[in-house]
Amino acid sequence: MPRNDHEKWQMDLEEYIRQGEPERSEKSTAWKTAIGLQDVDGLKTSEYLLETAKEHIEGKIDIKTAQKRIQSYYEERQSRTEIEEGTKEADIVSARITELLGGKTFQFSPAEWKTIHKRLFKDVFLHAGEYRTYNITKKEWILNGETVLYASADSIRDTLDYDFGQEKNFSYESLSASDAVKHIAKFTSGIWQIHPFCEGNTRSTAVFIIKYLKTFGFSVNNEVFAENSWYFRNSLARANYNDLSKGINATTIYLECFFENLLMGYNNELKNRYIHVDYKDKSAIHSATEEDSKCNNCTLEELAILRELKKNPSITQKELAVIIGKSERTIKTRTVEMQEKGLIRRENGKRNGRWEVLIEV
């Protein structure tokens, strides 16, 4: 696709999002994320995929029809080059990611991650949805050609069970958003290091984590994934690499920058060169400091509520409960607590009143 045509399509996508129509905006963001995630494997989507996505966003076809069209498109093609094969993978997987991101079901378990991988890569990879049976290494640019030490094939199941068990028993209830981000970064880097599948680990990890984060009540800013998927992958690699002889320690700081932007609305500069093991200017890593957010001590739940009140000051507690995914009683309790903490206030009474957010979010 010519660059100017691709840029025009991106502009159309941004316009759908800006228009604010909930259904179109949600579809547009899902497609943008799905397409952006193909960058982690250096894949680009076709013009046909972009036109099909546009029809889906505009409500002319449903997602199942979009997938069938893309499948038929490649079945009918006679000539196949290496580039076309890569494009085929990008198109098929993008449509499947879009469907998964639009789904409302989710179960926090290794089995869910396997299912996501299978749904994304069925008929694309030979062993979709199956754990690898051999050990792997991958040369990384940011590590000067060295590899992360991935989990051995015979330890995958036990390691996954342990990591998921630890996370399931962890409570975010009283944790500040900044501390929650650190924990999420640690969990994400931990399960990614297991690398349970032969291929497609980063894309399936991203989809799983997006869906997991939505269980906290967040309208996750998927555009951070869409525009920084390569940074996301590199930060995962850097979080799992040590070379003590050279003074290099594994660190989740780069991944934390990513999740701060994703969940807290920070504006950290996400540059891949910052992650390289030879990069020395550590002052450039955080362009957004704690002072940039006045809600650093808010919990994830409170931050989610604040953002919805900011978007719609007239929202009812019942409507808020549906969006956040909590009970109406929980929302009533939280809003009372937040008023006592000076985060919000109610103007003009219960029936016709409005919410005012008293801090920057």
Protein backbone atom coordinates (compact mmCIF):
# COMPACT_ATOMS: atom_id res chain seq x y z
CA MET A 1 0.00 0.00 0.00
CA PRO A 2 1.45 3.42 -0.92
CA ARG A 3 2.56 5.36 2.10
CA ASN A 4 0.17 8.26 1.48
CA ASP A 5 -2.81 5.86 1.21
CA HIS A 6 -1.80 4.13 4.43
CA GLU A 7 -1.47 7.49 6.19
CA LYS A 8 -4.93 8.49 4.90
CA TRP A 9 -6.38 5.31 6.36
CA GLN A 10 -4.71 6.09 9.70
CA MET A 11 -6.21 9.58 9.60
CA ASP A 12 -9.65 8.08 8.95
CA LEU A 13 -9.12 5.78 11.92
CA GLU A 14 -8.19 8.70 14.18
CA GLU A 15 -11.30 10.54 13.00
CA TYR A 16 -13.53 7.59 13.99
CA ILE A 17 -11.95 7.69 17.46
CA ARG A 18 -12.28 11.49 17.77
CA GLN A 19 -15.95 11.46 16.75
CA GLY A 20 -16.63 9.71 20.01
CA GLU A 21 -19.36 7.36 18.82
CA PRO A 22 -18.82 4.54 21.34
CA GLU A 23 -19.20 1.60 18.93
CA ARG A 24 -17.09 3.07 16.13
CA SER A 25 -14.48 4.37 18.54
CA GLU A 26 -14.15 0.99 20.26
CA LYS A 27 -13.82 -0.85 16.95
CA SER A 28 -11.31 1.68 15.62
CA THR A 29 -9.12 1.40 18.69
CA ALA A 30 -9.25 -2.41 18.55
CA TRP A 31 -8.19 -2.44 14.88
CA LYS A 32 -5.45 0.10 15.50
CA THR A 33 -4.10 -2.00 18.36
CA ALA A 34 -4.34 -5.25 16.38
CA ILE A 35 -2.50 -3.79 13.40
CA GLY A 36 0.13 -2.11 15.59
CA LEU A 37 0.90 -5.37 17.37
CA GLN A 38 2.08 -6.92 14.11
CA ASP A 39 5.15 -4.69 14.36
CA VAL A 40 6.62 -6.93 17.05
CA ASP A 41 7.37 -9.47 14.32
CA GLY A 42 8.06 -6.95 11.57
CA LEU A 43 4.77 -7.68 9.76
CA LYS A 44 2.64 -5.24 7.79
CA THR A 45 -1.02 -5.51 6.87
CA SER A 46 -2.42 -5.25 3.34
CA GLU A 47 -4.60 -2.60 1.71
CA TYR A 48 -7.39 -5.18 1.55
CA LEU A 49 -7.28 -5.66 5.32
CA LEU A 50 -7.49 -1.91 5.91
CA GLU A 51 -10.52 -1.56 3.61
CA THR A 52 -12.21 -4.52 5.30
CA ALA A 53 -11.53 -2.99 8.73
CA LYS A 54 -13.13 0.27 7.59
CA GLU A 55 -16.32 -1.55 6.56
CA HIS A 56 -16.43 -3.28 9.95
CA ILE A 57 -15.92 -0.01 11.83
CA GLU A 58 -18.73 1.63 9.84
CA GLY A 59 -21.08 -1.25 10.70
CA LYS A 60 -21.43 -2.55 7.15
CA ILE A 61 -20.16 -6.02 8.13
CA ASP A 62 -19.64 -7.85 11.43
CA ILE A 63 -16.27 -9.15 12.60
CA LYS A 64 -17.00 -12.73 11.53
CA THR A 65 -17.73 -11.55 8.00
CA ALA A 66 -14.54 -9.50 8.04
CA GLN A 67 -12.54 -12.60 8.99
CA LYS A 68 -14.20 -14.72 6.30
CA ARG A 69 -13.44 -12.09 3.67
CA ILE A 70 -9.78 -12.01 4.60
CA GLN A 71 -9.56 -15.81 4.63
CA SER A 72 -11.23 -16.02 1.20
CA TYR A 73 -8.97 -13.30 -0.17
CA TYR A 74 -5.89 -15.39 0.51
CA GLU A 75 -7.46 -18.68 -0.55
CA GLU A 76 -8.20 -17.19 -3.95
CA ARG A 77 -4.72 -15.81 -4.50
CA GLN A 78 -2.49 -17.94 -6.68
CA SER A 79 1.01 -16.45 -6.35
CA ARG A 80 2.62 -16.26 -2.94
CA THR A 81 5.91 -14.58 -2.08
CA GLU A 82 7.63 -14.40 1.29
CA ILE A 83 6.38 -10.85 1.77
CA GLU A 84 2.82 -11.89 0.92
CA GLU A 85 2.98 -14.75 3.41
CA GLY A 86 4.00 -12.27 6.11
CA THR A 87 1.17 -9.98 5.07
CA LYS A 88 -1.27 -12.88 5.14
CA GLU A 89 -0.28 -13.65 8.73
CA ALA A 90 -0.60 -9.99 9.72
CA ASP A 91 -4.05 -9.68 8.14
CA ILE A 92 -5.50 -12.87 9.61
CA VAL A 93 -4.09 -12.30 13.10
CA SER A 94 -5.13 -8.61 13.13
CA ALA A 95 -8.75 -9.55 12.48
CA ARG A 96 -8.62 -12.17 15.23
CA ILE A 97 -7.07 -9.77 17.73
CA THR A 98 -9.83 -7.27 16.94
CA GLU A 99 -12.46 -9.91 17.68
CA LEU A 100 -10.82 -10.91 20.96
CA LEU A 101 -10.45 -7.30 22.14
CA GLY A 102 -14.14 -6.76 21.43
CA GLY A 103 -15.17 -9.79 23.46
CA LYS A 104 -16.44 -9.43 27.01
CA THR A 105 -15.42 -12.84 28.37
CA PHE A 106 -12.18 -13.50 30.22
CA GLN A 107 -10.81 -15.99 32.72
CA PHE A 108 -7.54 -15.36 34.51
CA SER A 109 -5.65 -18.62 33.96
CA PRO A 110 -2.89 -20.23 31.87
CA ALA A 111 -5.69 -22.05 30.01
CA GLU A 112 -7.10 -18.68 28.88
CA TRP A 113 -3.68 -17.66 27.55
CA LYS A 114 -3.46 -20.95 25.62
CA THR A 115 -6.92 -20.37 24.20
CA ILE A 116 -6.01 -16.85 23.11
CA HIS A 117 -2.89 -18.16 21.36
CA LYS A 118 -4.91 -20.86 19.61
CA ARG A 119 -7.58 -18.42 18.46
CA LEU A 120 -4.99 -15.98 17.14
CA PHE A 121 -2.76 -18.43 15.30
CA LYS A 122 -4.93 -21.40 14.26
CA ASP A 123 -3.87 -22.46 10.73
CA VAL A 124 -1.14 -19.80 10.88
CA PHE A 125 1.30 -21.69 13.09
CA LEU A 126 1.48 -25.47 13.17
CA HIS A 127 1.39 -25.69 16.97
CA ALA A 128 -1.12 -22.93 17.78
CA GLY A 129 -2.33 -23.21 21.37
CA GLU A 130 0.30 -25.81 22.29
CA TYR A 131 3.26 -25.40 24.61
CA ARG A 132 6.66 -25.75 23.00
CA THR A 133 8.56 -29.01 23.56
CA TYR A 134 12.06 -27.64 22.95
CA ASN A 135 14.27 -24.93 24.41
CA ILE A 136 14.71 -21.63 22.57
CA THR A 137 17.06 -18.66 22.24
CA LYS A 138 16.54 -15.39 20.35
CA LYS A 139 19.14 -12.80 19.44
CA GLU A 140 18.08 -9.34 20.56
CA TRP A 141 19.28 -6.04 19.11
CA ILE A 142 18.88 -4.25 22.43
CA LEU A 143 21.07 -6.91 24.10
CA ASN A 144 23.83 -6.68 21.46
CA GLY A 145 22.82 -10.00 19.96
CA GLU A 146 22.52 -11.85 23.26
CA THR A 147 19.40 -13.76 24.29
CA VAL A 148 17.02 -13.75 27.22
CA LEU A 149 17.14 -16.99 29.20
CA TYR A 150 13.67 -18.40 28.58
CA ALA A 151 12.05 -21.12 30.69
CA SER A 152 13.07 -24.65 29.81
CA ALA A 153 10.43 -26.64 27.95
CA ASP A 154 9.96 -29.15 30.78
CA SER A 155 9.25 -26.40 33.35
CA ILE A 156 6.63 -24.39 31.40
CA ARG A 157 3.49 -25.80 33.05
CA ASP A 158 4.82 -25.63 36.61
CA THR A 159 6.21 -22.11 36.14
CA LEU A 160 2.95 -20.85 34.65
CA ASP A 161 0.92 -22.38 37.47
CA TYR A 162 3.20 -20.76 40.05
CA ASP A 163 3.16 -17.27 38.48
CA PHE A 164 -0.60 -17.28 37.91
CA GLY A 165 -1.22 -18.63 41.40
CA GLN A 166 0.87 -15.84 42.95
CA GLU A 167 -0.94 -13.17 40.93
CA LYS A 168 -4.38 -14.61 41.69
CA ASN A 169 -3.68 -14.35 45.42
CA PHE A 170 -2.31 -10.80 45.14
CA SER A 171 -4.58 -7.93 46.25
CA TYR A 172 -4.56 -4.57 44.47
CA GLU A 173 -7.27 -3.18 46.77
CA SER A 174 -5.26 -0.69 48.80
CA LEU A 175 -2.32 -0.35 46.42
CA SER A 176 -1.61 3.06 44.89
CA ALA A 177 -1.79 3.21 41.09
CA SER A 178 1.98 3.75 40.83
CA ASP A 179 2.71 0.68 42.98
CA ALA A 180 0.13 -1.32 41.04
CA VAL A 181 1.92 -0.42 37.80
CA LYS A 182 5.19 -1.76 39.21
CA HIS A 183 3.50 -5.02 40.16
CA ILE A 184 1.75 -5.37 36.79
CA ALA A 185 5.07 -4.82 35.01
CA LYS A 186 6.70 -7.50 37.14
CA PHE A 187 3.91 -10.02 36.50
CA THR A 188 3.83 -9.32 32.75
CA SER A 189 7.60 -9.63 32.34
CA GLY A 190 7.53 -12.85 34.38
CA ILE A 191 4.98 -14.70 32.27
CA TRP A 192 6.52 -13.41 29.03
CA GLN A 193 9.91 -14.81 30.08
CA ILE A 194 8.33 -18.27 30.24
CA HIS A 195 7.68 -17.95 26.47
CA PRO A 196 5.44 -21.04 26.45
CA PHE A 197 4.71 -21.08 22.71
CA CYS A 198 6.91 -21.70 19.69
CA GLU A 199 5.92 -18.38 18.09
CA GLY A 200 3.55 -15.50 18.71
CA ASN A 201 4.33 -15.10 22.42
CA THR A 202 4.40 -11.30 22.53
CA ARG A 203 1.18 -10.77 20.59
CA SER A 204 -0.72 -13.31 22.71
CA THR A 205 0.79 -11.80 25.88
CA ALA A 206 -0.39 -8.32 24.84
CA VAL A 207 -3.96 -9.49 24.17
CA PHE A 208 -4.06 -11.42 27.45
CA ILE A 209 -2.74 -8.45 29.47
CA ILE A 210 -5.13 -5.97 27.82
CA LYS A 211 -8.08 -8.18 28.70
CA TYR A 212 -6.74 -8.76 32.21
CA LEU A 213 -6.29 -5.03 32.85
CA LYS A 214 -9.86 -4.39 31.76
CA THR A 215 -11.01 -6.48 34.73
CA PHE A 216 -9.74 -3.62 36.94
CA GLY A 217 -12.42 -1.39 35.45
CA PHE A 218 -10.14 0.48 33.08
CA SER A 219 -10.96 1.59 29.59
CA VAL A 220 -7.38 0.64 28.75
CA ASN A 221 -5.66 3.08 26.39
CA ASN A 222 -4.95 0.46 23.74
CA GLU A 223 -3.38 3.13 21.54
CA VAL A 224 -0.27 2.88 23.70
CA PHE A 225 -0.01 -0.75 22.54
CA ALA A 226 -0.85 0.20 18.97
CA GLU A 227 1.86 2.82 18.69
CA ASN A 228 4.55 1.25 20.88
CA SER A 229 4.31 -2.51 20.40
CA TRP A 230 8.00 -2.83 19.50
CA TYR A 231 8.95 -0.87 22.62
CA PHE A 232 6.69 -3.18 24.64
CA ARG A 233 8.53 -6.24 23.36
CA ASN A 234 11.98 -4.73 23.88
CA SER A 235 11.13 -3.66 27.42
CA LEU A 236 10.05 -7.24 28.18
CA ALA A 237 13.39 -8.55 26.93
CA ARG A 238 15.31 -5.96 28.97
CA ALA A 239 13.31 -6.89 32.08
CA ASN A 240 14.66 -10.43 31.80
CA TYR A 241 18.34 -9.95 30.96
CA ASN A 242 21.34 -9.91 33.29
CA ASP A 243 25.05 -9.68 32.55
CA LEU A 244 26.65 -8.96 35.88
CA SER A 245 30.16 -9.05 34.39
CA LYS A 246 29.21 -5.89 32.47
CA GLY A 247 27.16 -4.35 35.24
CA ILE A 248 23.85 -5.05 33.47
CA ASN A 249 20.90 -5.91 35.70
CA ALA A 250 17.41 -6.95 34.68
CA THR A 251 15.02 -4.02 35.19
CA THR A 252 11.32 -3.41 34.68
CA ILE A 253 11.73 0.39 34.61
CA TYR A 254 11.12 0.59 30.85
CA LEU A 255 8.05 -1.60 31.11
CA GLU A 256 6.82 0.58 33.97
CA CYS A 257 7.11 3.63 31.69
CA PHE A 258 4.92 1.81 29.18
CA PHE A 259 2.26 0.87 31.75
CA GLU A 260 2.32 4.37 33.28
CA ASN A 261 1.31 5.73 29.88
CA LEU A 262 -1.22 2.94 29.37
CA LEU A 263 -2.96 3.15 32.74
CA MET A 264 -2.11 6.49 34.33
CA GLY A 265 -2.06 8.83 31.36
CA TYR A 266 1.62 9.68 31.71
CA ASN A 267 3.64 10.93 28.76
CA ASN A 268 6.87 8.99 29.19
CA GLU A 269 8.94 9.10 26.02
CA LEU A 270 8.95 5.49 24.79
CA LYS A 271 12.11 5.30 22.68
CA ASN A 272 13.63 1.92 21.83
CA ARG A 273 17.16 3.31 21.98
CA TYR A 274 16.67 4.04 25.70
CA ILE A 275 16.27 0.31 26.32
CA HIS A 276 19.54 -0.72 24.65
CA VAL A 277 22.06 -2.09 27.15
CA ASP A 278 24.67 0.43 25.93
CA TYR A 279 22.46 3.48 26.41
CA LYS A 280 23.94 5.66 29.14
CA ASP A 281 21.67 8.71 29.57
CA LYS A 282 19.37 7.39 32.30
CA SER A 283 17.85 10.86 32.83
CA ALA A 284 15.99 10.49 29.54
CA ILE A 285 14.08 7.40 30.63
CA HIS A 286 11.35 9.22 32.54
CA SER A 287 10.05 12.38 30.92
CA ALA A 288 6.98 12.15 33.12
CA THR A 289 7.63 12.33 36.85
CA GLU A 290 5.34 11.61 39.75
CA GLU A 291 4.48 15.31 39.92
CA ASP A 292 2.82 15.01 36.49
CA SER A 293 -0.08 13.14 38.08
CA LYS A 294 -2.01 14.50 41.05
CA CYS A 295 -3.50 11.07 41.65
CA ASN A 296 -0.37 9.16 42.47
CA ASN A 297 -1.86 7.82 45.68
CA CYS A 298 -5.15 6.80 44.08
CA THR A 299 -5.90 3.13 43.66
CA LEU A 300 -6.46 1.67 40.19
CA GLU A 301 -10.18 1.51 40.95
CA GLU A 302 -10.32 5.16 42.00
CA LEU A 303 -8.37 6.24 38.95
CA ALA A 304 -10.79 4.34 36.70
CA ILE A 305 -13.74 6.09 38.37
CA LEU A 306 -12.10 9.51 38.09
CA ARG A 307 -11.54 9.10 34.37
CA GLU A 308 -15.16 8.16 33.75
CA LEU A 309 -16.41 11.11 35.82
CA LYS A 310 -14.09 13.39 33.87
CA LYS A 311 -15.50 12.12 30.58
CA ASN A 312 -19.13 12.33 31.70
CA PRO A 313 -19.82 14.50 34.79
CA SER A 314 -23.54 13.63 34.57
CA ILE A 315 -23.02 9.87 34.73
CA THR A 316 -25.13 8.00 37.28
CA GLN A 317 -23.67 5.57 39.78
CA LYS A 318 -25.63 2.79 38.11
CA GLU A 319 -24.10 3.63 34.72
CA LEU A 320 -20.67 3.93 36.31
CA ALA A 321 -21.02 0.48 37.88
CA VAL A 322 -21.70 -1.06 34.46
CA ILE A 323 -18.70 0.64 32.84
CA ILE A 324 -16.28 -0.09 35.69
CA GLY A 325 -17.52 -3.64 36.13
CA LYS A 326 -18.28 -3.30 39.84
CA SER A 327 -21.50 -3.48 41.85
CA GLU A 328 -23.56 -0.32 42.34
CA ARG A 329 -23.01 -0.66 46.10
CA THR A 330 -19.22 -0.67 45.59
CA ILE A 331 -19.44 2.46 43.42
CA LYS A 332 -21.55 4.24 46.05
CA THR A 333 -19.01 3.34 48.73
CA ARG A 334 -16.05 4.44 46.60
CA THR A 335 -17.58 7.76 45.58
CA VAL A 336 -18.30 8.60 49.24
CA GLU A 337 -14.71 7.75 50.15
CA MET A 338 -13.39 9.80 47.23
CA GLN A 339 -15.43 12.81 48.30
CA GLU A 340 -14.00 12.50 51.81
CA LYS A 341 -10.48 12.35 50.34
CA GLY A 342 -11.10 15.53 48.35
CA LEU A 343 -10.84 13.85 44.96
CA ILE A 344 -14.39 14.64 43.77
CA ARG A 345 -17.50 16.51 44.84
CA ARG A 346 -21.16 16.38 43.93
CA GLU A 347 -22.87 19.56 42.72
CA ASN A 348 -26.63 20.29 42.76
CA GLY A 349 -27.80 17.22 44.62
CA LYS A 350 -28.45 13.58 43.78
CA ARG A 351 -31.15 13.72 41.11
CA ASN A 352 -29.92 16.43 38.71
CA GLY A 353 -26.42 16.89 39.98
CA ARG A 354 -23.03 16.60 38.33
CA TRP A 355 -19.69 15.25 39.41
CA GLU A 356 -16.69 17.55 39.62
CA VAL A 357 -13.22 16.02 39.57
CA LEU A 358 -10.99 18.09 41.86
CA ILE A 359 -7.60 16.77 40.74
CA GLU A 360 -5.79 16.30 37.45
CA VAL A 361 -6.09 12.85 35.87
